[in-house]
Amino acid sequence: MDIRAVAHDHDRLLERRLDEIVPKLMREHGFAAWVVDAREYNEDPVAATMLPSTWLSTARRRTILVFKDDGQTRGAIARYPVGPFPSVWQADSGTDEWAALAAYLEATPGTIGIDTSTTFALADGLTSSEHRRLVAALGENRLASAEPLALGWLETRLPDETEEMAAACAMAHGYLRRALSTEVIEPGETTTQDVAWWLAQIAHDNGHGLWFHPGVTVQRRGDGTQSPADGPSDRTIEGGDLVHIDFGIVHNGYHTDQQQHGYVLLEGETDAPASMAGGMAQGNRLQEILMEEMRAGRSGNEVLAKSLTRGRSEGIRPIIYTHPIGLHGHAAGSTIGLWDAQEGVPEAGDYPIGENTGWSIELAVEFEVSEWGGQQAKIMLEEDAFLTTNEVGFLDGRQERLWLIG
């Protein structure tokens, strides 16, 4: 990989995103200006995604990025050049940053957006001390939350960005498939933490980041465990186990989040128990129902309610906790359920789903394993997808059958 070429591609894409996404959002939401203010090592999450490649997402002392004229004009108030943001202040000019900001926006009437939000952390990057300085410089009456600008900027993908997202998904899928095989798992010897660290190592060896440590759990006959998360943190994997992995990488700035299952064959077995295959089929069906209900403009809570109702009507015992994905793992945008909030998520779930957005289709189904004497089990699936306006498709397919180990 040529790191210079990667940086060049990053900067070209950044400029296109600034040219195409920001003006559309500012016109749509009626903001005269947008001020993104960050300080070194305490960066606003939005600012970190607007900086050129050589800045490495660090604001360098204080960096104030400003958009005005419906987003068509942008400038930087900073001590160093900021790539696609023309400099509108010189540190040796005799005026400080705040006077320069006030002068830059003096002839811009209307509402000025700042990154504050009580609901979405990614849109709440303005620190309290910087907020006080902005109020002193611009006046409190003109300032308003830029929540829809911050979320729209972070969640919206240009069409060609999906190619990189799909490539990241394919790489992660490859690692998962290997992890759920005898290449990694030797029944009676390999532990769940062995598998987790194998995944972490292979991601590292191939130049990927991780945004969470891989999670590996097992469900086993006779455990009486309702959820794998209730079990011990490290277990030796045995024949007859249903193995679950939750895994996500970061590739060229794009995050993945995937959950898949494998079944460890007992001696003499050639397939997983039929009830588990049935649970997998129910999980796939719930994915289809959810994705049929997802469309731009609907709230996450509306999609959740409709999907749960349809799933239950088909005899499925569903749990849905789907989230946006892209520049962050749990990314900007509406929330479609939480594992402990199946009645809906106030505020975050009321937010409308945006078009041209990435999603982790994350959910579970509860079922009985008749071969285990009717013991309760879960199939927990997660695959990354992309929503245009009314259509959602997986970026790199999905798991449709249990991987067989042994």
Protein backbone atom coordinates (compact mmCIF):
# COMPACT_ATOMS: atom_id res chain seq x y z
CA MET A 1 0.00 0.00 0.00
CA ASP A 2 1.38 3.39 -1.04
CA ILE A 3 0.64 5.64 1.93
CA ARG A 4 1.12 8.79 -0.16
CA ALA A 5 -1.52 7.59 -2.62
CA VAL A 6 -3.89 6.75 0.23
CA ALA A 7 -3.43 10.24 1.67
CA HIS A 8 -4.00 11.81 -1.76
CA ASP A 9 -7.24 9.85 -2.20
CA HIS A 10 -8.38 10.84 1.29
CA ASP A 11 -7.86 14.54 0.58
CA ARG A 12 -9.61 14.42 -2.81
CA LEU A 13 -12.59 12.65 -1.27
CA LEU A 14 -12.67 15.10 1.64
CA GLU A 15 -12.86 18.06 -0.73
CA ARG A 16 -15.67 16.45 -2.73
CA ARG A 17 -17.60 15.73 0.46
CA LEU A 18 -17.19 19.33 1.62
CA ASP A 19 -18.33 20.63 -1.77
CA GLU A 20 -21.32 18.31 -2.19
CA ILE A 21 -22.65 17.44 1.28
CA VAL A 22 -22.27 20.56 3.42
CA PRO A 23 -24.06 23.07 1.10
CA LYS A 24 -26.99 20.67 0.67
CA LEU A 25 -27.34 20.23 4.43
CA MET A 26 -27.09 23.94 5.20
CA ARG A 27 -29.74 24.83 2.64
CA GLU A 28 -32.01 22.03 3.80
CA HIS A 29 -31.82 23.00 7.47
CA GLY A 30 -31.68 26.79 7.08
CA PHE A 31 -28.30 27.64 8.62
CA ALA A 32 -26.52 30.84 7.55
CA ALA A 33 -23.20 29.59 8.93
CA TRP A 34 -21.67 26.63 10.72
CA VAL A 35 -18.74 26.92 13.12
CA VAL A 36 -16.79 23.76 14.01
CA ASP A 37 -14.40 24.64 16.83
CA ALA A 38 -11.85 22.16 18.23
CA ARG A 39 -8.73 22.09 20.39
CA GLU A 40 -5.77 19.77 20.14
CA TYR A 41 -6.34 16.32 21.70
CA ASN A 42 -9.94 17.17 22.53
CA GLU A 43 -11.21 17.24 18.97
CA ASP A 44 -14.83 17.65 18.04
CA PRO A 45 -15.73 14.34 16.29
CA VAL A 46 -16.92 16.38 13.30
CA ALA A 47 -13.70 18.40 13.06
CA ALA A 48 -11.62 15.22 13.13
CA THR A 49 -13.36 14.05 9.92
CA MET A 50 -12.80 17.37 8.12
CA LEU A 51 -9.02 17.65 8.56
CA PRO A 52 -6.52 16.83 5.78
CA SER A 53 -4.66 13.52 5.86
CA THR A 54 -1.37 14.96 7.12
CA TRP A 55 -3.09 16.43 10.18
CA LEU A 56 -3.89 12.91 11.43
CA SER A 57 -7.24 14.09 12.88
CA THR A 58 -5.55 16.39 15.40
CA ALA A 59 -6.66 20.01 15.64
CA ARG A 60 -3.17 21.48 16.41
CA ARG A 61 -3.67 24.04 19.20
CA ARG A 62 -7.06 25.50 18.25
CA THR A 63 -8.68 25.10 14.84
CA ILE A 64 -11.95 26.80 13.92
CA LEU A 65 -13.56 25.70 10.66
CA VAL A 66 -16.27 28.02 9.33
CA PHE A 67 -18.89 27.57 6.60
CA LYS A 68 -21.08 30.40 5.30
CA ASP A 69 -23.03 31.43 2.16
CA ASP A 70 -25.08 28.20 2.29
CA GLY A 71 -21.85 26.26 2.72
CA GLN A 72 -20.40 27.51 -0.57
CA THR A 73 -17.73 29.52 1.25
CA ARG A 74 -15.48 28.02 3.89
CA GLY A 75 -12.45 29.18 5.83
CA ALA A 76 -10.12 28.24 8.67
CA ILE A 77 -9.08 30.26 11.66
CA ALA A 78 -5.95 28.36 12.67
CA ARG A 79 -2.22 28.83 13.05
CA TYR A 80 -1.41 26.40 10.23
CA PRO A 81 -2.83 25.77 6.72
CA VAL A 82 -5.86 23.43 6.83
CA GLY A 83 -5.96 21.79 3.40
CA PRO A 84 -9.32 22.56 1.73
CA PHE A 85 -10.11 25.44 4.13
CA PRO A 86 -8.58 28.77 3.00
CA SER A 87 -6.91 30.64 5.84
CA VAL A 88 -8.87 33.72 6.98
CA TRP A 89 -6.62 34.71 9.91
CA GLN A 90 -2.92 35.12 10.54
CA ALA A 91 -1.60 34.52 14.05
CA ASP A 92 0.66 37.61 13.82
CA SER A 93 -2.12 39.89 12.60
CA GLY A 94 -2.62 41.60 15.96
CA THR A 95 -6.12 40.18 16.46
CA ASP A 96 -7.04 36.95 18.20
CA GLU A 97 -9.08 34.06 16.79
CA TRP A 98 -12.35 35.27 18.26
CA ALA A 99 -12.13 38.76 16.80
CA ALA A 100 -11.24 37.21 13.44
CA LEU A 101 -14.26 34.88 13.65
CA ALA A 102 -16.62 37.75 14.49
CA ALA A 103 -15.26 39.79 11.58
CA TYR A 104 -15.53 36.84 9.15
CA LEU A 105 -19.21 36.35 10.00
CA GLU A 106 -20.11 40.04 10.47
CA ALA A 107 -21.86 40.31 7.10
CA THR A 108 -23.59 36.92 7.44
CA PRO A 109 -27.08 37.37 8.90
CA GLY A 110 -29.04 34.42 10.23
CA THR A 111 -28.53 31.41 12.44
CA ILE A 112 -25.04 30.12 13.19
CA GLY A 113 -24.82 26.42 13.94
CA ILE A 114 -22.51 25.09 16.64
CA ASP A 115 -21.88 21.47 17.61
CA THR A 116 -24.04 20.98 20.70
CA SER A 117 -26.57 18.20 21.22
CA THR A 118 -28.29 16.67 24.24
CA THR A 119 -29.11 13.48 22.30
CA PHE A 120 -26.18 12.57 20.02
CA ALA A 121 -22.63 12.49 21.38
CA LEU A 122 -21.11 12.79 17.90
CA ALA A 123 -22.93 16.10 17.41
CA ASP A 124 -21.94 17.44 20.85
CA GLY A 125 -18.24 18.07 20.30
CA LEU A 126 -18.08 21.70 21.41
CA THR A 127 -16.50 21.93 24.86
CA SER A 128 -17.97 24.16 27.55
CA SER A 129 -15.00 26.54 27.59
CA GLU A 130 -15.06 26.96 23.81
CA HIS A 131 -18.82 27.49 23.95
CA ARG A 132 -18.32 30.40 26.34
CA ARG A 133 -15.80 31.96 24.00
CA LEU A 134 -18.12 31.57 20.99
CA VAL A 135 -20.98 33.21 22.88
CA ALA A 136 -18.73 36.11 23.83
CA ALA A 137 -17.54 36.53 20.23
CA LEU A 138 -20.80 36.04 18.31
CA GLY A 139 -23.62 36.63 20.77
CA GLU A 140 -25.84 33.94 22.19
CA ASN A 141 -28.97 34.86 20.21
CA ARG A 142 -27.47 33.85 16.87
CA LEU A 143 -26.21 30.46 17.98
CA ALA A 144 -28.18 27.22 17.67
CA SER A 145 -27.46 23.50 17.75
CA ALA A 146 -26.06 22.27 14.44
CA GLU A 147 -27.17 18.72 15.26
CA PRO A 148 -28.71 17.99 11.81
CA LEU A 149 -25.59 19.34 10.08
CA ALA A 150 -23.20 17.29 12.20
CA LEU A 151 -25.24 14.10 11.86
CA GLY A 152 -25.85 14.62 8.16
CA TRP A 153 -22.18 15.23 7.48
CA LEU A 154 -21.07 12.15 9.42
CA GLU A 155 -23.72 9.72 8.20
CA THR A 156 -23.97 10.62 4.49
CA ARG A 157 -21.79 8.65 2.09
CA LEU A 158 -20.99 9.54 -1.51
CA PRO A 159 -21.75 6.65 -3.92
CA ASP A 160 -18.13 5.62 -4.47
CA GLU A 161 -17.50 5.43 -0.71
CA THR A 162 -19.56 2.25 -0.64
CA GLU A 163 -16.81 0.48 -2.59
CA GLU A 164 -14.37 1.01 0.27
CA MET A 165 -17.01 0.02 2.81
CA ALA A 166 -17.75 -3.17 0.90
CA ALA A 167 -14.04 -3.96 0.64
CA ALA A 168 -13.67 -3.57 4.41
CA CYS A 169 -16.65 -5.90 4.96
CA ALA A 170 -15.20 -8.52 2.64
CA MET A 171 -11.88 -8.50 4.50
CA ALA A 172 -13.59 -8.84 7.88
CA HIS A 173 -15.81 -11.63 6.54
CA GLY A 174 -12.70 -13.51 5.45
CA TYR A 175 -11.18 -13.31 8.92
CA LEU A 176 -14.44 -14.43 10.53
CA ARG A 177 -14.73 -17.43 8.24
CA ARG A 178 -11.21 -18.52 9.14
CA ALA A 179 -11.82 -17.95 12.85
CA LEU A 180 -14.89 -20.18 12.74
CA SER A 181 -12.97 -23.15 11.34
CA THR A 182 -10.41 -25.75 12.36
CA GLU A 183 -7.67 -23.39 11.21
CA VAL A 184 -8.19 -21.60 14.51
CA ILE A 185 -10.42 -23.82 16.68
CA GLU A 186 -9.29 -27.20 17.98
CA PRO A 187 -12.15 -28.54 20.09
CA GLY A 188 -11.08 -29.30 23.64
CA GLU A 189 -7.98 -27.09 23.35
CA THR A 190 -8.84 -23.65 21.96
CA THR A 191 -10.47 -21.11 24.26
CA THR A 192 -12.78 -18.25 23.36
CA GLN A 193 -10.04 -15.76 24.23
CA ASP A 194 -7.61 -17.63 21.94
CA VAL A 195 -10.03 -16.97 19.07
CA ALA A 196 -10.50 -13.32 20.08
CA TRP A 197 -6.75 -12.69 20.17
CA TRP A 198 -6.25 -14.52 16.85
CA LEU A 199 -8.70 -12.09 15.26
CA ALA A 200 -6.99 -9.11 16.88
CA GLN A 201 -3.60 -10.33 15.68
CA ILE A 202 -4.63 -10.96 12.08
CA ALA A 203 -6.30 -7.54 11.88
CA HIS A 204 -3.09 -5.96 13.17
CA ASP A 205 -0.88 -7.98 10.81
CA ASN A 206 -2.93 -6.79 7.82
CA GLY A 207 -2.83 -3.12 8.79
CA HIS A 208 -6.38 -2.79 10.13
CA GLY A 209 -7.49 -1.07 13.28
CA LEU A 210 -10.00 -2.47 15.77
CA TRP A 211 -12.68 -0.30 17.33
CA PHE A 212 -13.51 -2.91 19.97
CA HIS A 213 -11.88 -6.10 21.16
CA PRO A 214 -13.41 -9.15 19.43
CA GLY A 215 -16.09 -10.88 21.47
CA VAL A 216 -16.25 -14.69 21.37
CA THR A 217 -18.81 -16.69 23.38
CA VAL A 218 -20.36 -20.14 23.34
CA GLN A 219 -23.79 -21.59 24.03
CA ARG A 220 -23.74 -25.16 25.28
CA ARG A 221 -26.17 -27.91 26.14
CA GLY A 222 -26.99 -27.95 29.85
CA ASP A 223 -25.69 -24.46 30.55
CA GLY A 224 -29.07 -22.94 31.26
CA THR A 225 -27.57 -19.66 30.04
CA GLN A 226 -30.14 -17.29 28.54
CA SER A 227 -27.50 -15.07 26.98
CA PRO A 228 -23.89 -15.89 26.08
CA ALA A 229 -22.89 -12.61 27.72
CA ASP A 230 -23.87 -14.14 31.06
CA GLY A 231 -21.24 -16.88 30.75
CA PRO A 232 -17.56 -16.91 31.81
CA SER A 233 -15.19 -14.58 29.97
CA ASP A 234 -12.95 -17.44 28.76
CA ARG A 235 -14.07 -20.98 28.00
CA THR A 236 -12.58 -23.95 26.25
CA ILE A 237 -14.54 -24.64 23.07
CA GLU A 238 -15.97 -28.17 22.97
CA GLY A 239 -17.82 -30.35 20.49
CA GLY A 240 -21.52 -29.48 20.38
CA ASP A 241 -20.93 -25.78 21.14
CA LEU A 242 -22.64 -22.97 19.26
CA VAL A 243 -19.85 -20.39 18.87
CA HIS A 244 -20.65 -16.70 18.39
CA ILE A 245 -18.23 -13.95 17.32
CA ASP A 246 -18.71 -10.17 17.34
CA PHE A 247 -15.94 -8.50 15.31
CA GLY A 248 -15.22 -5.16 13.65
CA ILE A 249 -12.22 -3.65 11.88
CA VAL A 250 -11.27 -0.16 10.68
CA HIS A 251 -10.04 -0.04 7.07
CA ASN A 252 -9.07 3.29 5.49
CA GLY A 253 -11.28 5.06 8.02
CA TYR A 254 -14.37 2.88 7.48
CA HIS A 255 -15.68 0.66 10.27
CA THR A 256 -17.24 -2.78 10.05
CA ASP A 257 -19.39 -4.61 12.61
CA GLN A 258 -20.30 -8.25 12.03
CA GLN A 259 -21.60 -11.16 14.10
CA GLN A 260 -21.59 -14.75 12.90
CA HIS A 261 -21.94 -18.28 14.30
CA GLY A 262 -20.28 -21.64 13.93
CA TYR A 263 -21.26 -25.05 15.26
CA VAL A 264 -18.63 -27.49 16.55
CA LEU A 265 -19.50 -30.94 15.27
CA LEU A 266 -19.63 -33.83 17.71
CA GLU A 267 -18.04 -37.10 16.67
CA GLY A 268 -20.28 -38.74 14.10
CA GLU A 269 -22.19 -35.54 13.26
CA THR A 270 -22.21 -34.14 9.72
CA ASP A 271 -24.42 -31.11 10.35
CA ALA A 272 -25.67 -28.83 13.08
CA PRO A 273 -28.88 -29.71 14.95
CA ALA A 274 -31.95 -28.93 12.87
CA SER A 275 -33.33 -26.53 15.51
CA MET A 276 -30.20 -24.37 15.19
CA ALA A 277 -30.59 -24.27 11.42
CA GLY A 278 -34.18 -23.19 12.06
CA GLY A 279 -32.99 -20.44 14.38
CA MET A 280 -30.57 -19.26 11.70
CA ALA A 281 -33.39 -19.16 9.14
CA GLN A 282 -35.50 -17.09 11.53
CA GLY A 283 -32.60 -14.67 12.01
CA ASN A 284 -32.24 -14.27 8.24
CA ARG A 285 -35.99 -13.71 7.90
CA LEU A 286 -35.90 -11.01 10.58
CA GLN A 287 -33.08 -9.30 8.67
CA GLU A 288 -35.29 -9.24 5.58
CA ILE A 289 -38.28 -7.84 7.48
CA LEU A 290 -36.22 -5.08 9.07
CA MET A 291 -34.59 -4.07 5.80
CA GLU A 292 -37.98 -3.99 4.04
CA GLU A 293 -39.19 -1.51 6.68
CA MET A 294 -36.13 0.75 6.53
CA ARG A 295 -36.50 3.80 4.33
CA ALA A 296 -35.25 7.38 4.39
CA GLY A 297 -37.47 9.74 6.37
CA ARG A 298 -38.91 7.11 8.72
CA SER A 299 -37.85 7.28 12.35
CA GLY A 300 -35.88 4.48 13.91
CA ASN A 301 -38.70 3.90 16.39
CA GLU A 302 -41.24 3.51 13.59
CA VAL A 303 -39.05 0.98 11.80
CA LEU A 304 -38.48 -0.89 15.07
CA ALA A 305 -42.18 -1.15 15.91
CA LYS A 306 -43.21 -2.27 12.43
CA SER A 307 -40.41 -4.85 12.23
CA LEU A 308 -41.11 -6.34 15.66
CA THR A 309 -44.83 -6.62 14.90
CA ARG A 310 -44.20 -8.36 11.59
CA GLY A 311 -41.60 -10.68 13.07
CA ARG A 312 -43.85 -11.75 15.92
CA SER A 313 -46.72 -12.35 13.51
CA GLU A 314 -44.51 -14.91 11.77
CA GLY A 315 -43.75 -16.75 15.00
CA ILE A 316 -40.32 -15.18 15.53
CA ARG A 317 -39.16 -14.03 18.97
CA PRO A 318 -37.21 -10.95 17.82
CA ILE A 319 -34.79 -8.50 19.43
CA ILE A 320 -33.63 -5.62 17.20
CA TYR A 321 -30.76 -3.23 17.99
CA THR A 322 -29.57 -1.85 14.67
CA HIS A 323 -27.27 1.17 14.36
CA PRO A 324 -25.59 3.35 11.72
CA ILE A 325 -22.00 2.59 10.74
CA GLY A 326 -19.36 4.34 8.67
CA LEU A 327 -16.78 6.82 9.95
CA HIS A 328 -17.49 5.47 13.44
CA GLY A 329 -18.57 2.06 14.67
CA HIS A 330 -21.70 3.15 16.50
CA ALA A 331 -22.04 5.99 14.04
CA ALA A 332 -24.14 9.12 13.58
CA GLY A 333 -27.82 8.79 12.79
CA SER A 334 -31.07 7.32 14.02
CA THR A 335 -31.20 4.39 16.45
CA ILE A 336 -33.36 1.36 15.60
CA GLY A 337 -33.81 -0.22 19.01
CA LEU A 338 -31.40 -1.20 21.77
CA TRP A 339 -31.15 -4.70 23.17
CA ASP A 340 -32.70 -3.39 26.41
CA ALA A 341 -35.12 -0.91 24.78
CA GLN A 342 -37.45 -2.83 22.49
CA GLU A 343 -40.30 -0.40 23.12
CA GLY A 344 -38.35 2.34 21.33
CA VAL A 345 -35.51 4.76 22.11
CA PRO A 346 -36.62 8.30 23.06
CA GLU A 347 -35.06 11.10 20.99
CA ALA A 348 -32.32 9.06 19.27
CA GLY A 349 -34.94 6.69 17.88
CA ASP A 350 -37.24 9.55 16.90
CA TYR A 351 -34.64 10.98 14.53
CA PRO A 352 -35.37 10.33 10.83
CA ILE A 353 -33.27 7.85 8.90
CA GLY A 354 -31.08 9.53 6.30
CA GLU A 355 -30.54 8.46 2.70
CA ASN A 356 -27.17 7.24 1.44
CA THR A 357 -26.23 5.91 4.87
CA GLY A 358 -24.48 2.81 6.19
CA TRP A 359 -26.10 0.44 8.71
CA SER A 360 -25.18 -2.52 10.85
CA ILE A 361 -28.23 -4.76 10.65
CA GLU A 362 -27.92 -6.09 14.20
CA LEU A 363 -30.54 -8.32 15.79
CA ALA A 364 -31.24 -11.61 17.53
CA VAL A 365 -33.89 -14.30 17.65
CA GLU A 366 -34.66 -16.52 20.63
CA PHE A 367 -35.63 -20.12 20.01
CA GLU A 368 -35.68 -23.57 21.61
CA VAL A 369 -33.14 -26.26 20.77
CA SER A 370 -35.19 -29.45 20.83
CA GLU A 371 -32.01 -31.52 20.58
CA TRP A 372 -30.94 -29.93 23.88
CA GLY A 373 -34.19 -30.83 25.62
CA GLY A 374 -35.92 -27.57 24.70
CA GLN A 375 -33.14 -25.36 26.09
CA GLN A 376 -33.33 -21.69 25.13
CA ALA A 377 -30.74 -20.31 22.71
CA LYS A 378 -30.11 -17.20 20.61
CA ILE A 379 -28.92 -16.57 17.10
CA MET A 380 -27.29 -13.12 17.10
CA LEU A 381 -26.57 -11.73 13.65
CA GLU A 382 -24.97 -8.54 12.42
CA GLU A 383 -24.10 -7.60 8.85
CA ASP A 384 -23.28 -4.24 7.29
CA ALA A 385 -25.60 -2.74 4.70
CA PHE A 386 -26.24 0.45 2.75
CA LEU A 387 -29.49 2.42 2.43
CA THR A 388 -30.14 4.64 -0.58
CA THR A 389 -33.67 6.03 -0.22
CA ASN A 390 -36.08 3.13 -0.09
CA GLU A 391 -33.75 0.19 -0.64
CA VAL A 392 -31.25 -1.50 1.66
CA GLY A 393 -28.68 -4.03 0.50
CA PHE A 394 -25.85 -5.87 2.24
CA LEU A 395 -22.41 -4.54 1.37
CA ASP A 396 -20.84 -8.01 1.19
CA GLY A 397 -23.64 -10.53 1.63
CA ARG A 398 -24.63 -12.27 4.86
CA GLN A 399 -24.27 -15.57 6.69
CA GLU A 400 -27.16 -17.86 5.78
CA ARG A 401 -26.04 -21.12 7.37
CA LEU A 402 -23.99 -22.06 10.41
CA TRP A 403 -20.29 -22.56 9.68
CA LEU A 404 -19.36 -26.13 10.61
CA ILE A 405 -16.22 -26.63 12.69
CA GLY A 406 -14.59 -30.06 12.74
